């Protein structure tokens, strides 16, 4: 008999998603607002259930599912991002007349998929979690059905996503074929029992990396990111830039540290290549972007490259660095997108970076906070973004990956150019038409995330201690 309590939060989310759908269907008109708030409440309750779970490492459902401190850390982060994404979307959806209650329900279902991904302890549960999340994201991307740009973005995301799923499945089948099992622990035992690693298993790992790299927008599987970020409604972009990245990176870490921990010398070279390529492309491709959502897409590709520096180290310090980096990155990103969602003039939403001209005079507080986020994304001390990079680069140096750390530093300097260009446009260019006043919810999110970015240096221990505890369970 499976131990159902181990997945109480996931079971609750599944039942709640069905209940929310029924509420939306029966209420029909004006269902969006109550369903949105109920979805936020459901995600908060799921987070509480995750925190109230028994301490220690446990597995259930025929060893398909594992709960540990690492999973708790990443689940709380993913659920928090999803709840904030729904809150950020409410005013936008109402104003743009995308009156579809399915949007928050889809985010709840995607969150369920993310939690399955984070707790996956088997290649089958890994794939189920990815597909549950991905199918919800494909529909979310095309939620604005009357927009050609949004439907094109959704279709592109779906087609390329299906291709990546095929590669991931092929990789899983090769790994099963050469180890005789899909369970993470048994795969690790099979690898440690062999004196040499077979070429077929290595090919399987390469395909597995390809499938996972697509989910986190790492080069060379990043091609969907700029078009989808630009084409979908801005709240969807904000969601894509946060929670799915957390779940994807959690799966990346768990899948490679646990079953393939003894093969770190083999997969480390591939991760180093993906990391370097992502950092370089993210740094240079964003320079000429005029649309702020495309710029944030290339920025996210670069930041995933920095996060992969920690994974490439293959050590406990490296994983801790990734957890700290991803936490700081999603908080900076949420704050930045709260401001992007406020880029609205009388004619409607604007996305050109040039529309930020003169913001330092027309709205000095918003301009100041956006400047803080830009400096933090660039990694300028003493803001939080600097410490994210610091932890992953130190882990890389400890692991002897000096060229990787040096390339990371160089691309950080190059990337700082386009972040600082936004600051220059806000404070030194001729004033453009001002923006409409910010909504209270977006202003609150902007202030809270801004305070975190500024004052992280004063009290980092809650995050660093939690990340250390989460990383240590993967190396026991």
Protein backbone atom coordinates (compact mmCIF):
# COMPACT_ATOMS: atom_id res chain seq x y z
CA UNK A 1 0.00 0.00 0.00
CA UNK A 2 1.60 3.32 -1.03
CA UNK A 3 2.18 5.94 1.63
CA UNK A 4 -0.21 8.61 0.34
CA UNK A 5 0.70 11.15 3.03
CA UNK A 6 4.09 11.63 1.34
CA UNK A 7 2.28 13.35 -1.55
CA UNK A 8 -0.49 15.07 0.41
CA UNK A 9 0.28 18.46 -1.16
CA UNK A 10 0.20 17.02 -4.69
CA UNK A 11 -3.05 15.11 -4.04
CA UNK A 12 -4.59 18.27 -2.61
CA UNK A 13 -3.51 20.27 -5.69
CA UNK A 14 -5.01 17.69 -8.06
CA UNK A 15 -8.38 17.65 -6.25
CA UNK A 16 -8.38 21.46 -5.89
CA UNK A 17 -7.68 21.95 -9.62
CA UNK A 18 -10.75 19.85 -10.50
CA UNK A 19 -12.85 21.75 -7.95
CA UNK A 20 -11.67 25.09 -9.37
CA UNK A 21 -12.62 23.96 -12.87
CA UNK A 22 -16.12 23.05 -11.69
CA UNK A 23 -16.50 26.40 -9.91
CA UNK A 24 -15.48 28.20 -13.09
CA UNK A 25 -17.82 26.16 -15.30
CA UNK A 26 -20.87 26.58 -13.05
CA UNK A 27 -20.24 30.24 -12.31
CA UNK A 28 -19.62 31.01 -16.01
CA UNK A 29 -19.56 34.83 -16.05
CA UNK A 30 -17.35 36.78 -13.65
CA UNK A 31 -15.61 33.56 -12.61
CA UNK A 32 -12.08 34.81 -13.26
CA UNK A 33 -11.59 36.90 -10.12
CA UNK A 34 -12.88 34.37 -7.52
CA UNK A 35 -11.14 31.44 -9.26
CA UNK A 36 -7.88 33.44 -9.33
CA UNK A 37 -7.97 34.20 -5.61
CA UNK A 38 -9.02 30.62 -4.80
CA UNK A 39 -6.07 29.39 -6.91
CA UNK A 40 -3.70 31.57 -4.89
CA UNK A 41 -5.21 30.16 -1.66
CA UNK A 42 -4.83 26.60 -2.99
CA UNK A 43 -1.14 27.17 -3.78
CA UNK A 44 -0.55 28.65 -0.32
CA UNK A 45 -2.27 25.67 1.37
CA UNK A 46 -0.18 23.28 -0.77
CA UNK A 47 2.93 25.13 0.42
CA UNK A 48 1.85 24.72 4.05
CA UNK A 49 1.25 20.98 3.49
CA UNK A 50 4.77 20.68 2.02
CA UNK A 51 6.25 22.41 5.08
CA UNK A 52 4.21 20.30 7.51
CA UNK A 53 5.41 17.01 6.02
CA UNK A 54 7.58 14.69 8.12
CA UNK A 55 11.25 15.55 8.18
CA UNK A 56 13.84 13.29 6.63
CA UNK A 57 14.05 11.44 3.34
CA UNK A 58 11.17 9.15 2.36
CA UNK A 59 10.12 7.35 -0.80
CA UNK A 60 6.79 5.85 -1.86
CA UNK A 61 4.71 4.68 -4.86
CA UNK A 62 7.13 1.83 -5.63
CA UNK A 63 10.11 4.15 -5.16
CA UNK A 64 8.87 6.47 -7.92
CA UNK A 65 8.52 9.41 -5.59
CA UNK A 66 10.95 10.91 -3.10
CA UNK A 67 10.47 13.63 -0.52
CA UNK A 68 13.47 15.27 1.10
CA UNK A 69 14.77 18.69 2.18
CA UNK A 70 15.91 19.47 -1.35
CA UNK A 71 12.40 18.83 -2.68
CA UNK A 72 10.80 20.93 0.06
CA UNK A 73 13.09 23.88 -0.75
CA UNK A 74 12.37 23.80 -4.47
CA UNK A 75 8.62 23.13 -4.08
CA UNK A 76 8.14 26.13 -1.79
CA UNK A 77 10.00 28.27 -4.30
CA UNK A 78 7.95 27.00 -7.27
CA UNK A 79 4.62 27.33 -5.46
CA UNK A 80 5.50 30.86 -4.32
CA UNK A 81 6.39 31.89 -7.88
CA UNK A 82 3.12 30.44 -9.22
CA UNK A 83 1.02 32.26 -6.62
CA UNK A 84 2.76 35.57 -7.33
CA UNK A 85 2.31 35.03 -11.09
CA UNK A 86 -1.46 34.67 -10.64
CA UNK A 87 -1.63 37.83 -8.49
CA UNK A 88 0.40 39.73 -11.10
CA UNK A 89 -1.93 38.59 -13.88
CA UNK A 90 -5.27 39.58 -12.35
CA UNK A 91 -5.41 43.26 -13.33
CA UNK A 92 -3.81 42.58 -16.72
CA UNK A 93 -6.32 39.89 -17.68
CA UNK A 94 -9.25 42.03 -16.57
CA UNK A 95 -7.96 45.10 -18.42
CA UNK A 96 -7.05 43.24 -21.62
CA UNK A 97 -10.38 41.37 -21.54
CA UNK A 98 -8.84 37.89 -21.51
CA UNK A 99 -11.71 36.81 -19.31
CA UNK A 100 -10.86 33.11 -19.02
CA UNK A 101 -10.93 31.44 -15.62
CA UNK A 102 -8.90 28.55 -17.08
CA UNK A 103 -5.70 30.63 -16.79
CA UNK A 104 -5.21 30.37 -12.99
CA UNK A 105 -6.42 26.73 -13.07
CA UNK A 106 -3.78 25.92 -15.69
CA UNK A 107 -1.12 27.47 -13.45
CA UNK A 108 -2.31 25.26 -10.57
CA UNK A 109 -2.09 22.15 -12.80
CA UNK A 110 1.35 23.23 -14.05
CA UNK A 111 2.41 23.63 -10.40
CA UNK A 112 1.29 20.06 -9.76
CA UNK A 113 3.51 18.92 -12.65
CA UNK A 114 6.42 20.90 -11.21
CA UNK A 115 6.03 19.23 -7.82
CA UNK A 116 6.05 15.78 -9.47
CA UNK A 117 9.21 16.79 -11.37
CA UNK A 118 10.94 18.01 -8.21
CA UNK A 119 10.16 14.76 -6.32
CA UNK A 120 10.81 12.42 -9.25
CA UNK A 121 12.93 9.42 -8.25
CA UNK A 122 12.47 7.44 -11.41
CA UNK A 123 12.65 8.15 -15.15
CA UNK A 124 8.90 7.44 -15.46
CA UNK A 125 7.82 9.92 -12.77
CA UNK A 126 10.34 12.37 -14.26
CA UNK A 127 8.60 12.17 -17.64
CA UNK A 128 5.08 12.30 -16.18
CA UNK A 129 5.92 15.45 -14.23
CA UNK A 130 7.49 17.15 -17.26
CA UNK A 131 4.54 16.38 -19.53
CA UNK A 132 1.95 17.47 -16.97
CA UNK A 133 3.72 20.80 -16.61
CA UNK A 134 4.47 21.22 -20.31
CA UNK A 135 0.93 20.52 -21.57
CA UNK A 136 -0.42 23.16 -19.17
CA UNK A 137 2.23 25.65 -20.32
CA UNK A 138 1.43 25.08 -24.02
CA UNK A 139 -2.22 25.96 -23.42
CA UNK A 140 -1.29 28.90 -21.19
CA UNK A 141 0.98 30.29 -23.94
CA UNK A 142 -1.96 30.34 -26.39
CA UNK A 143 -4.55 31.60 -23.88
CA UNK A 144 -5.12 34.73 -26.00
CA UNK A 145 -6.80 32.91 -28.88
CA UNK A 146 -7.73 36.05 -30.83
CA UNK A 147 -4.09 37.15 -31.08
CA UNK A 148 -2.13 35.80 -34.05
CA UNK A 149 1.16 36.53 -32.29
CA UNK A 150 0.15 34.63 -29.15
CA UNK A 151 -1.21 31.60 -31.02
CA UNK A 152 1.95 31.46 -33.18
CA UNK A 153 4.06 31.57 -30.01
CA UNK A 154 1.95 28.83 -28.43
CA UNK A 155 2.19 26.65 -31.55
CA UNK A 156 5.96 27.13 -31.79
CA UNK A 157 6.34 26.27 -28.11
CA UNK A 158 4.20 23.14 -28.54
CA UNK A 159 6.00 21.83 -31.64
CA UNK A 160 9.50 22.38 -30.24
CA UNK A 161 8.37 21.07 -26.85
CA UNK A 162 7.13 17.87 -28.47
CA UNK A 163 10.52 17.49 -30.18
CA UNK A 164 12.35 17.91 -26.87
CA UNK A 165 10.04 15.37 -25.20
CA UNK A 166 10.90 12.90 -27.95
CA UNK A 167 14.62 13.39 -27.33
CA UNK A 168 14.12 13.03 -23.59
CA UNK A 169 12.15 9.79 -24.02
CA UNK A 170 14.79 8.40 -26.40
CA UNK A 171 17.46 9.20 -23.80
CA UNK A 172 15.40 7.50 -21.07
CA UNK A 173 14.92 4.39 -23.22
CA UNK A 174 18.68 4.14 -23.87
CA UNK A 175 19.44 4.57 -20.16
CA UNK A 176 16.92 1.82 -19.36
CA UNK A 177 18.36 -0.40 -22.07
CA UNK A 178 21.93 -0.13 -20.77
CA UNK A 179 21.20 -0.26 -17.02
CA UNK A 180 18.09 -2.45 -16.92
CA UNK A 181 16.14 -0.11 -14.66
CA UNK A 182 14.45 3.29 -14.53
CA UNK A 183 14.87 3.85 -10.78
CA UNK A 184 17.46 6.47 -9.82
CA UNK A 185 19.06 4.43 -6.99
CA UNK A 186 19.20 1.25 -9.10
CA UNK A 187 20.69 3.17 -12.03
CA UNK A 188 23.40 4.47 -9.67
CA UNK A 189 24.07 0.89 -8.44
CA UNK A 190 24.23 -0.44 -12.01
CA UNK A 191 26.74 2.25 -13.02
CA UNK A 192 28.96 1.75 -9.95
CA UNK A 193 29.01 -2.04 -10.59
CA UNK A 194 30.47 -1.57 -14.07
CA UNK A 195 34.18 -0.89 -14.57
CA UNK A 196 33.65 1.11 -17.76
CA UNK A 197 30.73 3.21 -18.93
CA UNK A 198 29.12 2.02 -22.17
CA UNK A 199 28.86 4.37 -25.14
CA UNK A 200 25.11 3.75 -25.38
CA UNK A 201 24.58 4.97 -21.83
CA UNK A 202 26.56 8.12 -22.61
CA UNK A 203 24.39 8.75 -25.68
CA UNK A 204 21.31 8.30 -23.49
CA UNK A 205 22.63 10.89 -21.03
CA UNK A 206 23.27 13.32 -23.89
CA UNK A 207 19.64 13.00 -25.03
CA UNK A 208 18.45 13.39 -21.45
CA UNK A 209 20.45 16.62 -21.16
CA UNK A 210 18.97 17.81 -24.47
CA UNK A 211 15.41 17.29 -23.19
CA UNK A 212 16.07 19.00 -19.87
CA UNK A 213 18.04 21.85 -21.50
CA UNK A 214 14.95 22.74 -23.54
CA UNK A 215 12.87 23.09 -20.37
CA UNK A 216 15.30 25.59 -18.84
CA UNK A 217 16.11 27.44 -22.13
CA UNK A 218 19.77 26.45 -22.23
CA UNK A 219 21.76 26.75 -25.48
CA UNK A 220 21.50 25.08 -28.02
CA UNK A 221 17.85 24.34 -27.13
CA UNK A 222 16.94 27.95 -26.41
CA UNK A 223 15.49 28.89 -29.82
CA UNK A 224 11.87 28.98 -28.63
CA UNK A 225 12.53 31.39 -25.76
CA UNK A 226 12.73 34.88 -27.39
CA UNK A 227 9.73 34.32 -29.68
CA UNK A 228 7.55 32.80 -26.96
CA UNK A 229 8.52 35.41 -24.35
CA UNK A 230 7.66 38.18 -26.83
CA UNK A 231 4.50 36.62 -28.26
CA UNK A 232 2.60 35.49 -25.17
CA UNK A 233 0.78 37.92 -22.81
CA UNK A 234 3.20 39.55 -20.35
CA UNK A 235 1.88 37.79 -17.18
CA UNK A 236 2.44 34.46 -18.95
CA UNK A 237 5.99 35.57 -19.77
CA UNK A 238 6.53 36.45 -16.10
CA UNK A 239 5.31 32.98 -15.11
CA UNK A 240 7.48 31.22 -17.72
CA UNK A 241 10.52 33.14 -16.48
CA UNK A 242 10.11 31.94 -12.89
CA UNK A 243 8.39 28.75 -11.70
CA UNK A 244 9.11 26.35 -14.63
CA UNK A 245 12.80 27.34 -14.46
CA UNK A 246 12.87 26.34 -10.79
CA UNK A 247 11.29 22.94 -11.51
CA UNK A 248 13.50 22.34 -14.56
CA UNK A 249 16.68 23.14 -12.68
CA UNK A 250 15.58 21.00 -9.70
CA UNK A 251 15.09 18.05 -12.06
CA UNK A 252 18.43 18.75 -13.76
CA UNK A 253 20.19 18.62 -10.38
CA UNK A 254 18.37 15.56 -9.03
CA UNK A 255 18.69 13.57 -12.25
CA UNK A 256 22.43 14.10 -12.57
CA UNK A 257 23.67 14.21 -8.98
CA UNK A 258 21.77 11.08 -7.85
CA UNK A 259 21.77 8.37 -10.58
CA UNK A 260 24.78 9.67 -12.52
CA UNK A 261 26.86 11.00 -9.62
CA UNK A 262 29.67 8.49 -10.33
CA UNK A 263 29.83 9.65 -13.95
CA UNK A 264 30.46 13.30 -13.17
CA UNK A 265 33.64 13.29 -15.29
CA UNK A 266 31.62 12.28 -18.36
CA UNK A 267 28.58 14.59 -18.10
CA UNK A 268 30.55 17.49 -16.63
CA UNK A 269 32.06 18.28 -20.03
CA UNK A 270 28.62 18.52 -21.65
CA UNK A 271 27.25 20.74 -18.89
CA UNK A 272 30.33 22.98 -19.14
CA UNK A 273 29.72 23.38 -22.90
CA UNK A 274 26.01 24.15 -22.40
CA UNK A 275 26.84 26.61 -19.63
CA UNK A 276 29.49 28.48 -21.65
CA UNK A 277 27.30 28.61 -24.78
CA UNK A 278 24.34 29.93 -22.75
CA UNK A 279 26.41 32.60 -21.01
CA UNK A 280 27.97 33.82 -24.27
CA UNK A 281 24.72 33.86 -26.25
CA UNK A 282 22.81 35.51 -23.39
CA UNK A 283 25.49 38.20 -23.10
CA UNK A 284 25.84 39.11 -26.79
CA UNK A 285 22.41 38.41 -28.33
CA UNK A 286 20.60 40.74 -25.92
CA UNK A 287 22.68 43.80 -26.81
CA UNK A 288 20.67 44.86 -29.87
CA UNK A 289 17.21 43.97 -28.57
CA UNK A 290 14.62 46.75 -28.63
CA UNK A 291 11.74 44.81 -27.11
CA UNK A 292 12.13 44.45 -23.34
CA UNK A 293 10.49 41.01 -23.27
CA UNK A 294 12.95 39.68 -25.87
CA UNK A 295 15.77 41.23 -23.86
CA UNK A 296 14.54 39.42 -20.74
CA UNK A 297 14.37 36.18 -22.75
CA UNK A 298 18.06 36.42 -23.71
CA UNK A 299 18.82 37.53 -20.16
CA UNK A 300 17.16 34.34 -18.85
CA UNK A 301 19.26 32.21 -21.23
CA UNK A 302 22.43 33.84 -19.87
CA UNK A 303 21.34 33.39 -16.26
CA UNK A 304 20.60 29.69 -16.79
CA UNK A 305 24.19 29.46 -18.07
CA UNK A 306 25.44 30.95 -14.78
CA UNK A 307 23.27 28.57 -12.75
CA UNK A 308 24.67 25.60 -14.71
CA UNK A 309 28.18 26.65 -13.62
CA UNK A 310 27.23 25.36 -10.16
CA UNK A 311 25.88 22.07 -11.54
CA UNK A 312 29.02 21.62 -13.65
CA UNK A 313 31.07 21.69 -10.43
CA UNK A 314 29.22 18.48 -9.45
CA UNK A 315 29.80 19.17 -5.76
CA UNK A 316 27.66 19.98 -2.72
CA UNK A 317 28.92 23.57 -2.82
CA UNK A 318 27.96 23.76 -6.49
CA UNK A 319 24.39 22.56 -5.88
CA UNK A 320 24.08 24.99 -2.96
CA UNK A 321 25.24 27.75 -5.31
CA UNK A 322 22.60 26.78 -7.89
CA UNK A 323 19.83 26.88 -5.26
CA UNK A 324 20.91 30.31 -4.02
CA UNK A 325 21.34 31.57 -7.58
CA UNK A 326 17.92 30.39 -8.76
CA UNK A 327 16.16 31.83 -5.69
CA UNK A 328 17.73 35.25 -6.16
CA UNK A 329 17.21 35.14 -9.94
CA UNK A 330 13.47 34.42 -9.80
CA UNK A 331 12.93 37.14 -7.18
CA UNK A 332 14.79 39.70 -9.33
CA UNK A 333 12.83 38.53 -12.36
CA UNK A 334 9.45 38.80 -10.65
CA UNK A 335 10.26 42.34 -9.54
CA UNK A 336 11.38 43.31 -13.05
CA UNK A 337 8.24 41.86 -14.64
CA UNK A 338 6.06 43.72 -12.11
CA UNK A 339 7.52 46.89 -13.64
CA UNK A 340 7.22 45.63 -17.23
CA UNK A 341 3.54 44.90 -16.55
CA UNK A 342 3.20 48.54 -15.49
CA UNK A 343 4.54 49.83 -18.82
CA UNK A 344 1.11 50.98 -19.93
CA UNK A 345 0.13 54.21 -21.65
CA UNK A 346 -3.28 55.52 -22.67
CA UNK A 347 -3.17 53.53 -25.93
CA UNK A 348 -2.33 50.27 -24.17
CA UNK A 349 0.68 48.17 -23.18
CA UNK A 350 4.11 49.13 -24.54
CA UNK A 351 7.14 46.88 -24.76
CA UNK A 352 9.82 48.96 -26.50
CA UNK A 353 12.78 49.78 -24.29
CA UNK A 354 12.77 53.31 -25.75
CA UNK A 355 9.41 53.92 -24.01
CA UNK A 356 11.34 53.96 -20.71
CA UNK A 357 12.98 57.26 -21.71
CA UNK A 358 12.56 59.91 -19.07
CA UNK A 359 11.12 57.50 -16.48
CA UNK A 360 13.60 58.91 -13.98
CA UNK A 361 11.68 62.22 -14.11
CA UNK A 362 8.10 61.04 -14.71
CA UNK A 363 8.20 58.23 -12.10
CA UNK A 364 11.44 58.46 -10.08
CA UNK A 365 10.58 55.66 -7.64
CA UNK A 366 9.77 53.11 -10.35
CA UNK A 367 12.90 54.13 -12.23
CA UNK A 368 15.02 53.73 -9.10
CA UNK A 369 13.68 50.24 -8.34
CA UNK A 370 14.13 49.16 -11.97
CA UNK A 371 17.70 50.48 -11.80
CA UNK A 372 18.26 48.33 -8.69
CA UNK A 373 16.96 45.24 -10.52
CA UNK A 374 19.12 45.96 -13.58
CA UNK A 375 22.26 46.39 -11.46
CA UNK A 376 21.41 43.22 -9.55
CA UNK A 377 20.81 41.21 -12.74
CA UNK A 378 24.18 42.47 -13.95
CA UNK A 379 25.76 41.14 -10.73
CA UNK A 380 26.96 44.47 -9.33
CA UNK A 381 27.73 44.37 -5.56
CA UNK A 382 26.38 44.67 -2.92
CA UNK A 383 23.03 43.70 -4.48
CA UNK A 384 21.65 40.15 -4.26
CA UNK A 385 22.51 39.24 -7.87
CA UNK A 386 26.21 39.59 -7.09
CA UNK A 387 26.03 36.91 -4.37
CA UNK A 388 24.19 34.50 -6.67
CA UNK A 389 27.11 34.60 -9.10
CA UNK A 390 29.66 34.61 -6.29
CA UNK A 391 28.50 31.24 -4.90
CA UNK A 392 28.46 29.43 -8.26
CA UNK A 393 31.82 30.86 -9.38
CA UNK A 394 33.49 29.90 -6.08
CA UNK A 395 32.11 26.36 -6.46
CA UNK A 396 33.53 26.20 -10.00
CA UNK A 397 36.95 27.38 -8.81
CA UNK A 398 36.94 24.83 -5.97
CA UNK A 399 36.20 22.12 -8.56
CA UNK A 400 39.14 23.26 -10.70
CA UNK A 401 36.95 24.69 -13.47
CA UNK A 402 38.98 27.90 -13.80
CA UNK A 403 38.21 28.59 -17.52
CA UNK A 404 34.47 28.26 -16.81
CA UNK A 405 34.66 30.77 -13.95
CA UNK A 406 36.72 33.20 -16.05
CA UNK A 407 34.31 33.00 -19.01
CA UNK A 408 31.45 33.58 -16.57
CA UNK A 409 33.13 36.74 -15.26
CA UNK A 410 33.82 38.05 -18.78
CA UNK A 411 30.24 37.43 -19.99
CA UNK A 412 28.94 39.11 -16.82
CA UNK A 413 30.86 42.24 -17.79
CA UNK A 414 29.53 42.07 -21.38
CA UNK A 415 25.98 41.44 -20.15
CA UNK A 416 26.16 44.44 -17.84
CA UNK A 417 26.16 46.63 -20.97
CA UNK A 418 22.51 46.05 -21.87
CA UNK A 419 21.29 46.30 -18.28
CA UNK A 420 23.08 49.61 -17.80
CA UNK A 421 21.77 50.82 -21.19
CA UNK A 422 18.25 50.65 -19.74
CA UNK A 423 19.37 52.80 -16.79
CA UNK A 424 20.90 55.29 -19.23
CA UNK A 425 17.64 55.46 -21.24
CA UNK A 426 15.59 56.08 -18.08
CA UNK A 427 17.78 58.87 -16.73
CA UNK A 428 19.51 60.53 -19.69
CA UNK A 429 17.27 60.21 -22.79
CA UNK A 430 14.59 62.70 -23.78
CA UNK A 431 11.37 62.08 -21.88
CA UNK A 432 8.72 59.97 -23.63
CA UNK A 433 5.05 59.73 -22.69
CA UNK A 434 4.67 58.66 -19.04
CA UNK A 435 3.03 55.45 -17.86
CA UNK A 436 -0.36 54.97 -16.23
CA UNK A 437 -0.22 54.63 -12.41
CA UNK A 438 0.90 51.24 -11.07
CA UNK A 439 -1.69 48.95 -9.53
CA UNK A 440 -1.41 48.27 -5.80
CA UNK A 441 -0.62 44.58 -6.23
CA UNK A 442 2.22 45.25 -8.70
CA UNK A 443 3.57 48.09 -6.57
CA UNK A 444 3.61 45.80 -3.51
CA UNK A 445 5.42 43.03 -5.41
CA UNK A 446 7.92 45.57 -6.79
CA UNK A 447 8.68 46.99 -3.33
CA UNK A 448 8.97 43.61 -1.57
CA UNK A 449 11.28 42.11 -4.21
CA UNK A 450 13.28 45.35 -4.34
CA UNK A 451 13.82 45.27 -0.57
CA UNK A 452 15.00 41.66 -0.80
CA UNK A 453 17.51 42.54 -3.53
CA UNK A 454 18.91 45.51 -1.60
CA UNK A 455 19.01 44.03 1.92
CA UNK A 456 20.02 40.44 1.10
CA UNK A 457 23.61 41.38 1.91
CA UNK A 458 22.62 42.30 5.48
CA UNK A 459 20.92 39.00 6.36
CA UNK A 460 21.69 36.20 3.88
CA UNK A 461 21.78 33.31 6.36
CA UNK A 462 18.08 32.19 6.08
CA UNK A 463 18.56 31.52 2.37
CA UNK A 464 22.15 30.22 2.49
CA UNK A 465 21.44 27.90 5.45
CA UNK A 466 18.29 26.49 3.81
CA UNK A 467 20.16 25.96 0.54
CA UNK A 468 23.03 24.21 2.37
CA UNK A 469 20.60 21.85 4.12
CA UNK A 470 18.78 21.16 0.83
CA UNK A 471 21.98 20.46 -1.11
CA UNK A 472 23.48 18.18 1.55
CA UNK A 473 20.72 15.53 1.27
CA UNK A 474 21.70 14.76 -2.33
CA UNK A 475 25.24 13.80 -1.27
CA UNK A 476 24.43 11.53 1.69
